[in-house]
Each structure stands twice: as C-alpha cells, then as structure tokens.
Amino acid sequence: MTTSINAKARIAGILYLIIIIAGIFSMLLIRERMVVAGDPEATAANIIQHNLTWRIGIAADMLMQLLDIPVMWIIFLVLRPVNKDLALLGLLFNLIQTAVLAANKIILVGSLLPLENLPYLRAVDPSILHTQAYLAIKLHEIGFGVGLLFFGLTLLVNGYLVYRSRFLPKAIGIMLQVAGACYLVCNLLLLLSPTLNHALFPYLMLPCFIAELSYALWLTFKGVEEGKWKEADVHLRA
C-alpha cells in the first residue's frame, strides 16, 4: 500500500521534532553545562566525572544525523512538485550538512581520549591532556558551524519552495528563509569574527528555532494540502 504524501509529511514532522528535542538535550542540557569557557581543567573534570552523560550527548547528536536522512528525503518529495531542480539542490545542501556533522562527531569522541585513565597517558602532564581535550571540543564547535553553513543554504532554498507552493503556508516559507540567512551570518561570523558571533548568537538563533519548530509542528499536525500537492505533482509529470 502506497503511503500518501500527507502521511509522509507528518512522519517528517514527527522526526523533525525529535531532532529538535535531541539537539536541545545534547547542546544545551549537556555540553553547555559541562564545557566551561576558557577553562580546560574544569571542563575536563566535568567530563571525567560525568563521562556517561557526555557520551549520551554524543549519541543524541548521532540520532539527529540519522533522522536527518528520512526527513530530508521526505521534504524533497514534498517540495519536488514546486521545482524539481531546486528541491534536489536543497537536498544536496542538506546531505553535505549531515555528512559534515556526522564526521564532526569523531572529533567530539576524540575529546574523551586524552582523559582516559590509561598507562601510556600517565607520562604526559595532565594539564596538556586537558588542553588537548578542550581544543578538540572547540574544533568540534567550528566543524558544527561549517556544517550549518550548508544547512543555511538548505533553508534558503526550501523556504523559497515552501513560499512558492500552494500547499504549505507562505509565512513558514518566509520564516525558513530568514532562518537560513541567520544560520549563514552566524556561522560565517564564527569563522571570521568569533567575538561578534558570541555576542550575536542568541539573537541569530532565535529566528532559526522559531522557524524550524513552526515547520516541524505544521508538518506534524497539518501536513500538506494534499489536493493542491497532487495538482502540482500532475503538472510536474505532464
């Protein structure tokens, strides 16, 4: 039995909500609390004391990347009738983002290695090991930002397609495009001016959170106007 596009959209919405929850859990409830800015010693002590919690945070991140795959595929199917080429472009940007973020988790796992209680590490000064772990975490933050540059491009493209569609709200399309621009500005600043990025981060991320949460909730509870989607799909195949 073929699953309707509306059912697929609702599945994507539910998975998107799980991604948002997992992201809040891993970034705000775990890393934000355990990483002490500018203090490798305190950060290392937190990770050593709460090692399992740190690993659960990494697992939550990987869950996000795994769920990204079905979500981006379904969104491609939903938006393809609007413009197949642009929908494919958005999918490609999203794939690159997910690949970068998944590979970036290796660096986060690497932050644990200098903190292990192993014989061959005892010959190294603990402060050096703690600094190595801290630098791995900082490198992960940069890698995360690089991945989100591609996600910003994804939202710009998909936001345009949502706006042009007749089966999803134009307001959400506009919100997604604003979010895409915020992701681009925020993460370009991370590379070009980290101090300015730190100052503007909360203001740039708020529109992103609102847009993505609105999109996920709409897909979950409303889906798409299936009649209008079918009309657009028939026109695409004509």
Foldseek 3Di string as FASTA:
>chain_A
DDDALLVLLQVLLVLLVLLVVLCCCLVVVQPVVLDDPPDLVSNLVSCVVPVVSNVVSLVSLVSNLVSLVSNLVSLLVQLCLLPVVLSVLLSVLSVQLSVLLVVLSVLLVVLCVLSDPDPVNVVPDNVVSSVSSNVSVVVSVLSNLVSLLSVLVSLLSSLVSQLRAPWHDNVLSVLSNLLSVLSNVLSVCVVVPVVVSVVCVVVSCVSNVVSSNVSSVCSNPPGTPRVSSVVSVVVVVD
